[in-house]
């Protein structure tokens, strides 16, 4: 939906909503993986701050349609 110009506005909003909606599940996974090997814990915790730029990117794509 982000690639096609006709659906880009809605796609940007829905993509941002999806990234926000899965954030609590990613936090839960990070907490559940406290006893996993270090590499798994690093991945689980490292992905959390990466969701912020993904949400910003989706919203920027949505905004650029209006310009």
PDB file of N, CA and C in Angstrom:
ATOM      1  N   UNK A   1       0.814  -1.198   0.000  1.00  0.00           N
ATOM      2  CA  UNK A   1       0.000   0.000   0.000  1.00  0.00           C
ATOM      3  C   UNK A   1       0.859   1.264   0.000  1.00  0.00           C
ATOM      4  N   UNK A   2       2.104   1.155   0.440  1.00  0.00           N
ATOM      5  CA  UNK A   2       2.977   2.334   0.428  1.00  0.00           C
ATOM      6  C   UNK A   2       3.568   2.592  -0.958  1.00  0.00           C
ATOM      7  N   UNK A   3       3.662   1.564  -1.762  1.00  0.00           N
ATOM      8  CA  UNK A   3       4.303   1.709  -3.063  1.00  0.00           C
ATOM      9  C   UNK A   3       3.384   2.330  -4.107  1.00  0.00           C
ATOM     10  N   UNK A   4       2.101   2.093  -4.005  1.00  0.00           N
ATOM     11  CA  UNK A   4       1.169   2.593  -5.012  1.00  0.00           C
ATOM     12  C   UNK A   4       0.661   3.975  -4.621  1.00  0.00           C
ATOM     13  N   UNK A   5       0.767   4.936  -5.523  1.00  0.00           N
ATOM     14  CA  UNK A   5       0.374   6.315  -5.187  1.00  0.00           C
ATOM     15  C   UNK A   5      -1.073   6.465  -4.709  1.00  0.00           C
ATOM     16  N   UNK A   6      -1.986   5.672  -5.232  1.00  0.00           N
ATOM     17  CA  UNK A   6      -3.397   5.815  -4.853  1.00  0.00           C
ATOM     18  C   UNK A   6      -3.666   5.367  -3.417  1.00  0.00           C
ATOM     19  N   UNK A   7      -2.847   4.485  -2.897  1.00  0.00           N
ATOM     20  CA  UNK A   7      -3.083   3.960  -1.548  1.00  0.00           C
ATOM     21  C   UNK A   7      -2.020   4.409  -0.550  1.00  0.00           C
ATOM     22  N   UNK A   8      -1.126   5.270  -0.988  1.00  0.00           N
ATOM     23  CA  UNK A   8       0.014   5.659  -0.149  1.00  0.00           C
ATOM     24  C   UNK A   8      -0.407   6.382   1.123  1.00  0.00           C
ATOM     25  N   UNK A   9      -1.384   7.264   1.041  1.00  0.00           N
ATOM     26  CA  UNK A   9      -1.809   8.019   2.227  1.00  0.00           C
ATOM     27  C   UNK A   9      -2.362   7.070   3.293  1.00  0.00           C
ATOM     28  N   UNK A  10      -3.295   6.237   2.912  1.00  0.00           N
ATOM     29  CA  UNK A  10      -3.865   5.274   3.869  1.00  0.00           C
ATOM     30  C   UNK A  10      -2.814   4.259   4.293  1.00  0.00           C
ATOM     31  N   UNK A  11      -1.992   3.840   3.354  1.00  0.00           N
ATOM     32  CA  UNK A  11      -0.953   2.866   3.669  1.00  0.00           C
ATOM     33  C   UNK A  11       0.040   3.386   4.692  1.00  0.00           C
ATOM     34  N   UNK A  12       0.398   4.646   4.593  1.00  0.00           N
ATOM     35  CA  UNK A  12       1.316   5.232   5.568  1.00  0.00           C
ATOM     36  C   UNK A  12       0.717   5.245   6.960  1.00  0.00           C
ATOM     37  N   UNK A  13      -0.547   5.626   7.036  1.00  0.00           N
ATOM     38  CA  UNK A  13      -1.220   5.665   8.343  1.00  0.00           C
ATOM     39  C   UNK A  13      -1.371   4.263   8.916  1.00  0.00           C
ATOM     40  N   UNK A  14      -1.765   3.316   8.080  1.00  0.00           N
ATOM     41  CA  UNK A  14      -1.950   1.941   8.557  1.00  0.00           C
ATOM     42  C   UNK A  14      -0.625   1.283   8.939  1.00  0.00           C
ATOM     43  N   UNK A  15       0.414   1.591   8.191  1.00  0.00           N
ATOM     44  CA  UNK A  15       1.726   1.034   8.515  1.00  0.00           C
ATOM     45  C   UNK A  15       2.221   1.585   9.849  1.00  0.00           C
ATOM     46  N   UNK A  16       2.066   2.873  10.060  1.00  0.00           N
ATOM     47  CA  UNK A  16       2.451   3.466  11.351  1.00  0.00           C
ATOM     48  C   UNK A  16       1.642   2.835  12.477  1.00  0.00           C
ATOM     49  N   UNK A  17       0.345   2.648  12.261  1.00  0.00           N
ATOM     50  CA  UNK A  17      -0.506   2.028  13.288  1.00  0.00           C
ATOM     51  C   UNK A  17      -0.054   0.597  13.574  1.00  0.00           C
ATOM     52  N   UNK A  18       0.336  -0.120  12.553  1.00  0.00           N
ATOM     53  CA  UNK A  18       0.815  -1.490  12.746  1.00  0.00           C
ATOM     54  C   UNK A  18       2.084  -1.511  13.594  1.00  0.00           C
ATOM     55  N   UNK A  19       3.031  -0.645  13.278  1.00  0.00           N
ATOM     56  CA  UNK A  19       4.273  -0.591  14.052  1.00  0.00           C
ATOM     57  C   UNK A  19       3.993  -0.235  15.514  1.00  0.00           C
ATOM     58  N   UNK A  20       3.054   0.663  15.741  1.00  0.00           N
ATOM     59  CA  UNK A  20       2.692   1.041  17.110  1.00  0.00           C
ATOM     60  C   UNK A  20       1.972  -0.113  17.808  1.00  0.00           C
ATOM     61  N   UNK A  21       1.111  -0.796  17.078  1.00  0.00           N
ATOM     62  CA  UNK A  21       0.331  -1.886  17.676  1.00  0.00           C
ATOM     63  C   UNK A  21       1.195  -3.072  18.096  1.00  0.00           C
ATOM     64  N   UNK A  22       2.260  -3.349  17.346  1.00  0.00           N
ATOM     65  CA  UNK A  22       3.093  -4.504  17.686  1.00  0.00           C
ATOM     66  C   UNK A  22       4.154  -4.172  18.731  1.00  0.00           C
ATOM     67  N   UNK A  23       4.309  -2.902  19.074  1.00  0.00           N
ATOM     68  CA  UNK A  23       5.323  -2.518  20.050  1.00  0.00           C
ATOM     69  C   UNK A  23       5.142  -3.213  21.403  1.00  0.00           C
ATOM     70  N   UNK A  24       3.943  -3.255  21.970  1.00  0.00           N
ATOM     71  CA  UNK A  24       3.793  -3.960  23.250  1.00  0.00           C
ATOM     72  C   UNK A  24       4.173  -5.443  23.161  1.00  0.00           C
ATOM     73  N   UNK A  25       3.881  -6.071  22.047  1.00  0.00           N
ATOM     74  CA  UNK A  25       4.262  -7.477  21.883  1.00  0.00           C
ATOM     75  C   UNK A  25       5.786  -7.626  21.819  1.00  0.00           C
ATOM     76  N   UNK A  26       6.452  -6.676  21.213  1.00  0.00           N
ATOM     77  CA  UNK A  26       7.916  -6.728  21.164  1.00  0.00           C
ATOM     78  C   UNK A  26       8.526  -6.501  22.546  1.00  0.00           C
ATOM     79  N   UNK A  27       7.903  -5.632  23.337  1.00  0.00           N
ATOM     80  CA  UNK A  27       8.363  -5.440  24.719  1.00  0.00           C
ATOM     81  C   UNK A  27       8.174  -6.738  25.495  1.00  0.00           C
ATOM     82  N   UNK A  28       7.028  -7.351  25.328  1.00  0.00           N
ATOM     83  CA  UNK A  28       6.757  -8.616  26.018  1.00  0.00           C
ATOM     84  C   UNK A  28       7.778  -9.686  25.627  1.00  0.00           C
ATOM     85  N   UNK A  29       8.094  -9.762  24.332  1.00  0.00           N
ATOM     86  CA  UNK A  29       9.075 -10.735  23.873  1.00  0.00           C
ATOM     87  C   UNK A  29      10.432 -10.470  24.508  1.00  0.00           C
ATOM     88  N   UNK A  30      10.832  -9.215  24.575  1.00  0.00           N
ATOM     89  CA  UNK A  30      12.115  -8.875  25.187  1.00  0.00           C
ATOM     90  C   UNK A  30      12.140  -9.299  26.654  1.00  0.00           C
ATOM     91  N   UNK A  31      11.042  -9.083  27.345  1.00  0.00           N
ATOM     92  CA  UNK A  31      10.968  -9.489  28.747  1.00  0.00           C
ATOM     93  C   UNK A  31      10.980 -11.014  28.881  1.00  0.00           C
ATOM     94  N   UNK A  32      10.286 -11.687  27.997  1.00  0.00           N
ATOM     95  CA  UNK A  32      10.253 -13.154  28.040  1.00  0.00           C
ATOM     96  C   UNK A  32      11.604 -13.776  27.704  1.00  0.00           C
ATOM     97  N   UNK A  33      12.421 -13.071  26.953  1.00  0.00           N
ATOM     98  CA  UNK A  33      13.709 -13.611  26.513  1.00  0.00           C
ATOM     99  C   UNK A  33      14.845 -13.250  27.468  1.00  0.00           C
ATOM    100  N   UNK A  34      14.529 -12.868  28.680  1.00  0.00           N
ATOM    101  CA  UNK A  34      15.573 -12.488  29.643  1.00  0.00           C
ATOM    102  C   UNK A  34      16.575 -13.602  29.900  1.00  0.00           C
ATOM    103  N   UNK A  35      16.167 -14.842  29.754  1.00  0.00           N
ATOM    104  CA  UNK A  35      17.054 -15.967  30.040  1.00  0.00           C
ATOM    105  C   UNK A  35      17.594 -16.631  28.779  1.00  0.00           C
ATOM    106  N   UNK A  36      17.352 -16.053  27.650  1.00  0.00           N
ATOM    107  CA  UNK A  36      17.878 -16.573  26.378  1.00  0.00           C
ATOM    108  C   UNK A  36      19.347 -16.181  26.251  1.00  0.00           C
ATOM    109  N   UNK A  37      20.038 -16.747  25.260  1.00  0.00           N
ATOM    110  CA  UNK A  37      21.433 -16.345  25.021  1.00  0.00           C
ATOM    111  C   UNK A  37      21.542 -14.842  24.738  1.00  0.00           C
ATOM    112  N   UNK A  38      22.711 -14.316  24.981  1.00  0.00           N
ATOM    113  CA  UNK A  38      22.950 -12.874  24.835  1.00  0.00           C
ATOM    114  C   UNK A  38      22.540 -12.350  23.462  1.00  0.00           C
ATOM    115  N   UNK A  39      22.861 -13.073  22.412  1.00  0.00           N
ATOM    116  CA  UNK A  39      22.526 -12.601  21.059  1.00  0.00           C
ATOM    117  C   UNK A  39      21.015 -12.403  20.897  1.00  0.00           C
ATOM    118  N   UNK A  40      20.227 -13.308  21.439  1.00  0.00           N
ATOM    119  CA  UNK A  40      18.773 -13.177  21.357  1.00  0.00           C
ATOM    120  C   UNK A  40      18.283 -11.974  22.146  1.00  0.00           C
ATOM    121  N   UNK A  41      18.857 -11.771  23.324  1.00  0.00           N
ATOM    122  CA  UNK A  41      18.450 -10.627  24.143  1.00  0.00           C
ATOM    123  C   UNK A  41      18.799  -9.307  23.469  1.00  0.00           C
ATOM    124  N   UNK A  42      19.973  -9.246  22.860  1.00  0.00           N
ATOM    125  CA  UNK A  42      20.388  -8.022  22.157  1.00  0.00           C
ATOM    126  C   UNK A  42      19.422  -7.713  21.022  1.00  0.00           C
ATOM    127  N   UNK A  43      19.048  -8.726  20.281  1.00  0.00           N
ATOM    128  CA  UNK A  43      18.102  -8.526  19.176  1.00  0.00           C
ATOM    129  C   UNK A  43      16.746  -8.082  19.715  1.00  0.00           C
ATOM    130  N   UNK A  44      16.281  -8.761  20.761  1.00  0.00           N
ATOM    131  CA  UNK A  44      14.957  -8.443  21.309  1.00  0.00           C
ATOM    132  C   UNK A  44      14.885  -7.016  21.833  1.00  0.00           C
ATOM    133  N   UNK A  45      15.896  -6.601  22.568  1.00  0.00           N
ATOM    134  CA  UNK A  45      15.897  -5.231  23.105  1.00  0.00           C
ATOM    135  C   UNK A  45      16.300  -4.207  22.054  1.00  0.00           C
ATOM    136  N   UNK A  46      17.175  -4.589  21.136  1.00  0.00           N
ATOM    137  CA  UNK A  46      17.636  -3.655  20.114  1.00  0.00           C
ATOM    138  C   UNK A  46      16.576  -3.260  19.116  1.00  0.00           C
ATOM    139  N   UNK A  47      15.603  -4.122  18.911  1.00  0.00           N
ATOM    140  CA  UNK A  47      14.566  -3.795  17.931  1.00  0.00           C
ATOM    141  C   UNK A  47      13.578  -2.762  18.449  1.00  0.00           C
ATOM    142  N   UNK A  48      13.484  -2.595  19.755  1.00  0.00           N
ATOM    143  CA  UNK A  48      12.497  -1.663  20.306  1.00  0.00           C
ATOM    144  C   UNK A  48      12.727  -0.215  19.861  1.00  0.00           C
ATOM    145  N   UNK A  49      13.936   0.328  20.030  1.00  0.00           N
ATOM    146  CA  UNK A  49      14.112   1.717  19.592  1.00  0.00           C
ATOM    147  C   UNK A  49      14.069   1.877  18.069  1.00  0.00           C
ATOM    148  N   UNK A  50      14.257   0.798  17.346  1.00  0.00           N
ATOM    149  CA  UNK A  50      14.203   0.890  15.883  1.00  0.00           C
ATOM    150  C   UNK A  50      12.785   1.103  15.373  1.00  0.00           C
ATOM    151  N   UNK A  51      11.789   0.836  16.190  1.00  0.00           N
ATOM    152  CA  UNK A  51      10.415   1.050  15.753  1.00  0.00           C
ATOM    153  C   UNK A  51      10.073   2.529  15.643  1.00  0.00           C
ATOM    154  N   UNK A  52      10.753   3.359  16.401  1.00  0.00           N
ATOM    155  CA  UNK A  52      10.485   4.805  16.332  1.00  0.00           C
ATOM    156  C   UNK A  52      10.764   5.351  14.931  1.00  0.00           C
ATOM    157  N   UNK A  53      11.942   5.100  14.338  1.00  0.00           N
ATOM    158  CA  UNK A  53      12.142   5.611  12.977  1.00  0.00           C
ATOM    159  C   UNK A  53      11.213   4.967  11.948  1.00  0.00           C
ATOM    160  N   UNK A  54      10.785   3.734  12.197  1.00  0.00           N
ATOM    161  CA  UNK A  54       9.849   3.110  11.266  1.00  0.00           C
ATOM    162  C   UNK A  54       8.499   3.814  11.295  1.00  0.00           C
ATOM    163  N   UNK A  55       8.023   4.174  12.467  1.00  0.00           N
ATOM    164  CA  UNK A  55       6.762   4.910  12.581  1.00  0.00           C
ATOM    165  C   UNK A  55       6.906   6.277  11.930  1.00  0.00           C
ATOM    166  N   UNK A  56       8.017   6.944  12.199  1.00  0.00           N
ATOM    167  CA  UNK A  56       8.244   8.270  11.602  1.00  0.00           C
ATOM    168  C   UNK A  56       8.307   8.193  10.085  1.00  0.00           C
ATOM    169  N   UNK A  57       8.951   7.142   9.573  1.00  0.00           N
ATOM    170  CA  UNK A  57       9.047   6.957   8.120  1.00  0.00           C
ATOM    171  C   UNK A  57       7.654   6.774   7.509  1.00  0.00           C
ATOM    172  N   UNK A  58       6.838   5.924   8.113  1.00  0.00           N
ATOM    173  CA  UNK A  58       5.497   5.676   7.578  1.00  0.00           C
ATOM    174  C   UNK A  58       4.668   6.955   7.592  1.00  0.00           C
ATOM    175  N   UNK A  59       4.772   7.721   8.663  1.00  0.00           N
ATOM    176  CA  UNK A  59       4.022   8.975   8.730  1.00  0.00           C
ATOM    177  C   UNK A  59       4.553   9.998   7.728  1.00  0.00           C
ATOM    178  N   UNK A  60       5.864   9.993   7.501  1.00  0.00           N
ATOM    179  CA  UNK A  60       6.431  10.904   6.498  1.00  0.00           C
ATOM    180  C   UNK A  60       5.928  10.548   5.100  1.00  0.00           C
ATOM    181  N   UNK A  61       5.863   9.264   4.788  1.00  0.00           N
ATOM    182  CA  UNK A  61       5.323   8.829   3.491  1.00  0.00           C
ATOM    183  C   UNK A  61       3.887   9.305   3.351  1.00  0.00           C
ATOM    184  N   UNK A  62       3.108   9.169   4.416  1.00  0.00           N
ATOM    185  CA  UNK A  62       1.720   9.615   4.397  1.00  0.00           C
ATOM    186  C   UNK A  62       1.639  11.126   4.172  1.00  0.00           C
ATOM    187  N   UNK A  63       2.482  11.884   4.864  1.00  0.00           N
ATOM    188  CA  UNK A  63       2.479  13.352   4.731  1.00  0.00           C
ATOM    189  C   UNK A  63       2.892  13.801   3.336  1.00  0.00           C
ATOM    190  N   UNK A  64       3.842  13.109   2.745  1.00  0.00           N
ATOM    191  CA  UNK A  64       4.349  13.532   1.436  1.00  0.00           C
ATOM    192  C   UNK A  64       3.283  13.441   0.346  1.00  0.00           C
ATOM    193  N   UNK A  65       2.270  12.649   0.546  1.00  0.00           N
ATOM    194  CA  UNK A  65       1.184  12.555  -0.412  1.00  0.00           C
ATOM    195  C   UNK A  65       0.429  13.872  -0.470  1.00  0.00           C
ATOM    196  N   UNK A  66       0.309  14.530   0.674  1.00  0.00           N
ATOM    197  CA  UNK A  66      -0.440  15.797   0.750  1.00  0.00           C
ATOM    198  C   UNK A  66       0.309  16.980   0.159  1.00  0.00           C
ATOM    199  N   UNK A  67       1.590  16.833  -0.053  1.00  0.00           N
ATOM    200  CA  UNK A  67       2.383  17.975  -0.530  1.00  0.00           C
ATOM    201  C   UNK A  67       2.358  18.092  -2.024  1.00  0.00           C
TER     202      UNK A  67
END
